[in-house]
Protein backbone atom coordinates (compact mmCIF):
# COMPACT_ATOMS: atom_id res chain seq x y z
CA MET A 1 0.00 0.00 0.00
CA TYR A 2 2.73 2.49 0.92
CA LEU A 3 5.51 1.21 -1.36
CA GLN A 4 5.16 3.77 -4.16
CA PHE A 5 4.60 6.61 -1.68
CA PHE A 6 7.98 5.97 -0.02
CA GLY A 7 9.77 4.80 -3.19
CA MET A 8 10.22 1.18 -2.05
CA SER A 9 10.66 -1.85 -4.27
CA GLN A 10 9.23 -4.35 -1.76
CA MET A 11 7.81 -4.57 1.74
CA PRO A 12 10.79 -3.89 4.04
CA PHE A 13 9.48 -5.36 7.28
CA LYS A 14 8.12 -8.70 6.17
CA ALA A 15 9.15 -12.21 7.13
CA ARG A 16 12.14 -13.26 5.05
CA ALA A 17 11.54 -16.09 2.60
CA ASP A 18 14.01 -18.93 2.11
CA GLY A 19 17.07 -17.74 0.26
CA GLU A 20 16.55 -14.05 1.07
CA PRO A 21 19.29 -12.27 3.03
CA ILE A 22 18.78 -11.99 6.77
CA PHE A 23 20.26 -9.61 9.32
CA LEU A 24 22.93 -11.13 11.56
CA ALA A 25 24.46 -9.48 14.60
CA GLY A 26 25.59 -10.56 18.05
CA THR A 27 23.97 -13.77 19.27
CA HIS A 28 22.05 -14.15 16.01
CA ALA A 29 25.27 -14.63 14.04
CA GLU A 30 26.61 -17.00 16.71
CA ALA A 31 23.38 -19.02 16.74
CA LEU A 32 23.37 -19.46 12.96
CA ALA A 33 26.98 -20.65 13.03
CA THR A 34 26.15 -23.06 15.87
CA LEU A 35 23.18 -24.58 14.04
CA VAL A 36 25.08 -25.01 10.78
CA TYR A 37 28.10 -26.53 12.50
CA GLY A 38 25.95 -28.84 14.58
CA LEU A 39 24.07 -30.17 11.56
CA LEU A 40 27.16 -30.57 9.40
CA SER A 41 29.12 -32.30 12.17
CA ALA A 42 26.13 -34.52 13.02
CA LYS A 43 25.83 -33.57 16.67
CA PRO A 44 23.14 -35.82 18.15
CA LEU A 45 21.22 -33.09 19.99
CA ILE A 46 21.29 -29.34 19.30
CA MET A 47 19.30 -26.67 21.14
CA LEU A 48 18.34 -23.12 20.23
CA THR A 49 16.43 -20.99 22.72
CA GLY A 50 15.25 -17.40 22.68
CA ASP A 51 12.34 -15.26 23.74
CA VAL A 52 9.28 -14.61 21.57
CA GLY A 53 9.94 -12.53 18.46
CA LEU A 54 13.75 -12.76 18.45
CA GLY A 55 13.93 -14.68 15.16
CA LYS A 56 14.45 -18.34 16.07
CA SER A 57 12.40 -19.69 13.16
CA THR A 58 14.11 -17.34 10.69
CA LEU A 59 17.54 -18.50 11.84
CA LEU A 60 16.50 -22.14 11.69
CA ARG A 61 15.31 -21.78 8.08
CA ALA A 62 18.57 -20.02 7.18
CA ALA A 63 20.62 -22.81 8.77
CA LEU A 64 18.67 -25.54 6.98
CA SER A 65 19.12 -23.77 3.64
CA LYS A 66 22.90 -23.76 4.20
CA VAL A 67 23.10 -27.50 4.92
CA LYS A 68 20.56 -28.56 2.29
CA SER A 69 21.71 -31.74 0.64
CA PRO A 70 20.21 -34.79 -1.13
CA GLN A 71 21.83 -36.88 1.60
CA LEU A 72 20.03 -35.03 4.42
CA GLU A 73 16.39 -35.80 5.12
CA ILE A 74 14.68 -33.19 7.29
CA LEU A 75 11.54 -33.79 9.32
CA ASN A 76 9.91 -30.61 10.62
CA LEU A 77 7.22 -31.47 13.13
CA PRO A 78 3.89 -29.88 12.20
CA HIS A 79 3.46 -28.96 15.87
CA PRO A 80 5.01 -30.17 19.14
CA LEU A 81 1.80 -31.46 20.73
CA LEU A 82 2.33 -35.00 19.47
CA GLN A 83 2.28 -38.26 21.36
CA PRO A 84 5.37 -40.53 21.12
CA GLN A 85 3.61 -42.96 18.77
CA ASP A 86 2.69 -40.13 16.38
CA LEU A 87 6.29 -38.94 16.32
CA LEU A 88 7.56 -42.46 15.62
CA ARG A 89 5.16 -42.80 12.68
CA LEU A 90 6.27 -39.48 11.19
CA LEU A 91 9.89 -40.59 11.46
CA GLY A 92 9.01 -43.87 9.80
CA GLN A 93 7.28 -42.07 6.95
CA THR A 94 10.32 -39.86 6.43
CA LEU A 95 12.51 -42.97 6.08
CA GLU A 96 9.84 -44.52 3.82
CA MET A 97 9.49 -47.53 6.10
CA PRO A 98 6.86 -50.09 5.02
CA GLY A 99 3.84 -49.87 7.31
CA ALA A 100 5.02 -46.60 8.84
CA LEU A 101 1.47 -45.53 9.70
CA GLN A 102 0.99 -48.68 11.79
CA LEU A 103 4.17 -48.29 13.86
CA ARG A 104 3.80 -48.55 17.62
CA LEU A 105 6.24 -47.74 20.41
CA PRO A 106 7.51 -51.34 20.70
CA ASP A 107 8.60 -50.95 17.04
CA VAL A 108 11.37 -48.47 17.86
CA GLY A 109 13.81 -51.27 17.03
CA GLU A 110 12.47 -51.39 13.48
CA PHE A 111 12.99 -47.64 13.13
CA HIS A 112 16.54 -48.10 14.45
CA ARG A 113 17.26 -50.75 11.82
CA ALA A 114 15.82 -48.54 9.08
CA LEU A 115 18.05 -45.72 10.30
CA LEU A 116 21.13 -47.95 10.11
CA ALA A 117 20.08 -49.10 6.64
CA ALA A 118 20.12 -45.46 5.54
CA ALA A 119 23.87 -45.48 6.14
CA GLY A 120 24.26 -47.46 2.93
CA GLY A 121 23.12 -44.44 0.93
CA VAL A 122 25.00 -41.99 3.18
CA ASN A 123 21.65 -40.53 4.17
CA ARG A 124 21.15 -38.63 7.40
CA LEU A 125 17.94 -37.68 9.17
CA ALA A 126 17.43 -34.47 11.11
CA LEU A 127 14.39 -34.08 13.35
CA ILE A 128 13.46 -30.41 13.88
CA ILE A 129 11.15 -29.62 16.80
CA ASP A 130 10.04 -25.99 17.01
CA GLU A 131 8.22 -24.64 20.09
CA ALA A 132 9.80 -27.56 21.93
CA GLN A 133 8.89 -26.09 25.32
CA LEU A 134 5.36 -27.37 24.59
CA LEU A 135 6.36 -31.02 24.15
CA PRO A 136 4.25 -33.33 26.35
CA PRO A 137 6.33 -35.10 29.04
CA LEU A 138 6.02 -38.54 27.42
CA THR A 139 7.07 -37.17 24.03
CA LEU A 140 10.04 -35.35 25.56
CA GLU A 141 11.09 -38.61 27.19
CA PHE A 142 10.75 -40.33 23.81
CA VAL A 143 13.03 -37.65 22.32
CA ARG A 144 15.59 -38.58 24.96
CA LEU A 145 15.35 -42.23 23.94
CA LEU A 146 15.71 -41.27 20.29
CA SER A 147 18.85 -39.26 21.07
CA ASN A 148 20.41 -42.46 22.42
CA LEU A 149 20.14 -44.06 18.97
CA ASP A 150 22.84 -41.77 17.60
CA ALA A 151 25.78 -43.74 19.01
CA ALA A 152 24.79 -46.88 17.14
CA ALA A 153 23.58 -44.93 14.12
CA GLN A 154 27.05 -43.46 13.53
CA GLY A 155 25.98 -39.81 13.52
CA LEU A 156 23.14 -40.34 11.04
CA PHE A 157 20.37 -38.99 13.27
CA ASN A 158 20.24 -35.45 14.65
CA ILE A 159 17.64 -33.72 16.78
CA VAL A 160 17.26 -29.94 16.91
CA LEU A 161 15.17 -28.53 19.76
CA VAL A 162 14.03 -24.94 19.24
CA GLY A 163 12.04 -23.17 21.91
CA GLN A 164 11.52 -20.35 24.33
CA PRO A 165 13.71 -19.94 27.46
CA GLU A 166 11.21 -22.05 29.41
CA LEU A 167 12.58 -25.10 27.58
CA TRP A 168 16.04 -24.71 29.14
CA VAL A 169 14.47 -24.01 32.55
CA ARG A 170 12.41 -27.18 32.18
CA LEU A 171 15.49 -29.27 31.45
CA GLN A 172 17.11 -28.13 34.71
CA ARG A 173 14.76 -30.42 36.61
CA PRO A 174 16.40 -33.59 37.95
CA GLU A 175 14.18 -35.90 35.89
CA TRP A 176 15.54 -34.38 32.65
CA ARG A 177 19.26 -34.44 33.51
CA HIS A 178 19.91 -37.34 31.12
CA LEU A 179 18.41 -35.40 28.21
CA ARG A 180 20.26 -32.25 29.22
CA GLN A 181 23.57 -34.11 29.23
CA ARG A 182 22.94 -35.29 25.68
CA ILE A 183 22.94 -31.73 24.31
CA GLY A 184 26.04 -31.36 22.17
CA LEU A 185 25.59 -27.71 21.18
CA ARG A 186 23.42 -24.96 22.57
CA ALA A 187 22.78 -21.40 21.36
CA GLU A 188 20.69 -18.70 23.03
CA LEU A 189 19.31 -15.65 21.28
CA LYS A 190 19.40 -12.35 23.14
CA PRO A 191 17.59 -9.09 22.21
CA LEU A 192 19.43 -6.87 19.77
CA SER A 193 21.34 -3.96 21.23
CA ARG A 194 20.13 -0.46 20.37
CA GLN A 195 22.88 -0.08 17.81
CA ALA A 196 22.08 -3.49 16.31
CA SER A 197 18.37 -2.59 16.28
CA ALA A 198 19.08 0.58 14.30
CA ASP A 199 21.31 -1.41 11.95
CA TYR A 200 18.50 -3.94 11.54
CA VAL A 201 16.03 -1.22 10.48
CA ARG A 202 18.58 0.17 8.01
CA PHE A 203 19.17 -3.35 6.67
CA CYS A 204 15.44 -3.86 6.05
CA MET A 205 15.17 -0.54 4.29
CA ARG A 206 18.16 -1.26 2.06
CA VAL A 207 16.54 -4.55 1.05
CA SER A 208 13.61 -2.46 -0.21
CA ASN A 209 16.02 -0.11 -2.05
CA THR A 210 15.45 2.83 0.28
CA GLU A 211 17.35 4.40 3.18
CA ALA A 212 16.06 4.47 6.74
CA ASP A 213 17.56 7.91 7.36
CA ILE A 214 15.42 9.31 4.51
CA VAL A 215 12.15 7.55 5.35
CA PHE A 216 12.37 7.99 9.15
CA GLU A 217 13.15 11.20 10.99
CA PRO A 218 16.12 10.80 13.42
CA ARG A 219 13.76 11.05 16.40
CA ALA A 220 11.45 8.49 14.82
CA LEU A 221 14.28 6.03 14.31
CA ARG A 222 15.40 6.47 17.93
CA ALA A 223 11.82 5.97 19.13
CA LEU A 224 11.46 2.86 16.98
CA VAL A 225 14.66 1.37 18.38
CA ARG A 226 13.64 2.15 21.96
CA ARG A 227 10.11 0.77 21.65
CA GLY A 228 11.19 -2.26 19.62
CA ALA A 229 12.99 -3.66 22.69
CA GLY A 230 15.56 -5.49 20.57
CA ALA A 231 13.01 -7.93 19.10
CA PRO A 232 13.02 -8.08 15.28
CA ARG A 233 9.36 -9.09 15.12
CA ARG A 234 8.28 -6.13 17.26
CA LEU A 235 10.51 -3.76 15.30
CA ASN A 236 8.87 -5.05 12.12
CA SER A 237 5.34 -4.54 13.44
CA ILE A 238 5.91 -1.03 14.79
CA ALA A 239 7.77 0.14 11.68
CA ASP A 240 5.21 -1.33 9.28
CA ASN A 241 2.29 0.29 11.07
CA ALA A 242 4.10 3.62 11.41
CA LEU A 243 4.73 3.64 7.66
CA LEU A 244 1.04 2.90 7.10
CA TYR A 245 -0.04 5.76 9.37
CA ALA A 246 2.31 8.24 7.71
CA PHE A 247 1.06 7.11 4.30
CA GLY A 248 -2.55 7.52 5.44
CA GLU A 249 -1.82 11.12 6.44
CA GLY A 250 0.21 11.76 3.29
CA VAL A 251 3.23 12.70 5.42
CA ARG A 252 6.93 12.13 4.73
CA PRO A 253 9.18 11.27 6.51
CA VAL A 254 7.80 9.10 9.32
CA SER A 255 7.84 11.00 12.59
CA ALA A 256 8.12 9.98 16.23
CA ARG A 257 4.39 10.66 16.48
CA HIS A 258 3.71 7.87 14.00
CA ILE A 259 5.96 5.51 15.97
CA ARG A 260 4.04 6.30 19.17
CA ALA A 261 0.72 5.75 17.40
CA ALA A 262 1.85 2.41 15.99
CA THR A 263 3.14 1.25 19.37
CA SER A 264 -0.09 2.27 21.08
CA MET A 265 -2.14 0.31 18.56
CA LEU A 266 -0.01 -2.82 18.95
CA ASP A 267 -0.04 -2.61 22.74
CA GLY A 268 -3.78 -2.02 22.84
CA GLU A 269 -3.50 1.45 24.36
CA GLU A 270 -6.08 4.16 23.73
CA GLU A 271 -4.28 7.20 22.40
CA ARG A 272 -5.54 10.08 20.29
CA LEU A 273 -2.50 9.87 18.07
CA GLY A 274 -3.48 6.38 17.02
CA GLN A 275 -7.08 7.41 16.41
CA ARG A 276 -5.97 10.35 14.26
CA ALA A 277 -3.84 8.07 12.14
CA LEU A 278 -6.68 5.58 11.74
CA GLN A 279 -9.06 8.34 10.74
CA ALA A 280 -6.57 9.48 8.11
CA LEU A 281 -6.48 5.96 6.69
CA ARG A 282 -10.27 5.83 6.57
CA ARG A 283 -10.36 9.15 4.71
CA LEU A 284 -7.79 7.80 2.26
CA GLY A 285 -9.88 4.67 1.67
CA SER A 286 -12.99 6.77 1.21
CA ALA A 287 -11.26 9.00 -1.31
CA SER A 288 -10.18 6.00 -3.40
CA ALA A 289 -13.55 4.24 -3.18
CA GLY A 290 -16.14 4.31 -5.92
CA PRO A 291 -19.37 6.39 -5.71
CA ALA A 292 -21.36 3.41 -4.44
CA SER A 293 -18.92 2.79 -1.61
CA ARG A 294 -19.02 6.45 -0.55
CA LEU A 295 -22.82 6.42 -0.65
CA GLN A 296 -22.88 3.36 1.61
CA GLU A 297 -20.57 5.12 4.04
CA ARG A 298 -22.84 8.20 4.17
CA GLU A 299 -25.92 6.03 4.71
CA ALA A 300 -24.16 4.13 7.50
CA SER A 301 -23.23 7.39 9.23
CA GLY A 302 -26.76 8.80 8.86
CA ASP A 303 -25.72 11.75 6.63
């Protein structure tokens, strides 16, 4: 909607698709290197943790794109709320085991043999579990049992646990010490620093063939960095909505007022600044609507 108004070639603050460049700084660069190294060196159990909105899924996709190979089969769980038997069947399907859909827990030995047979084709299997902090206790215990297969499978089976900090806290309990000891590599994402946050915004703008220092006033950029709290997802949301508000008002560049309005909307706060921006967007929509649409609006308002 606002691309032409600000001279952009694409949406700057969108989720990055596979193969697109991503911003790396601080713990994000370290985490990507850890994931890639762990997968290439066939570490049996790898963990990535980080708070909501810090970019765990983006980093995971980037790591998988770097290690993509015909010899590496990847199983991404559709969601973590699976029972052990469901997980075993998905693994069996990935290895194209006969009767995979009928596998039961006592058939773990069959899965183990199929995993060893994959060694003949130099195939490896990586199990990716996102939002792993939500794994049911029995399924988490099954993951521990699966991690024990690696020794006999000669590094052909890797498990990557990705989750929020609660996952690491959960594994500190005595009953999970055996699983915790199996972790070969661990990376933890931290919020971006203020400088890294500003660099992130500039990176996103350059991807869209524009410059942050032209589109955002200096005060607006500082406000965006401060209110973004070092979380790329939050920075994206605030910036995107601020651009929309400025576009609705026909104003360039984006001001600190637009940043405050966008933050208020996202945080559910009642603020006149946000209402003014929304009213401007409604006026813009009304101006671009056809005669019938404008008539409907007048009828609805009682004019």
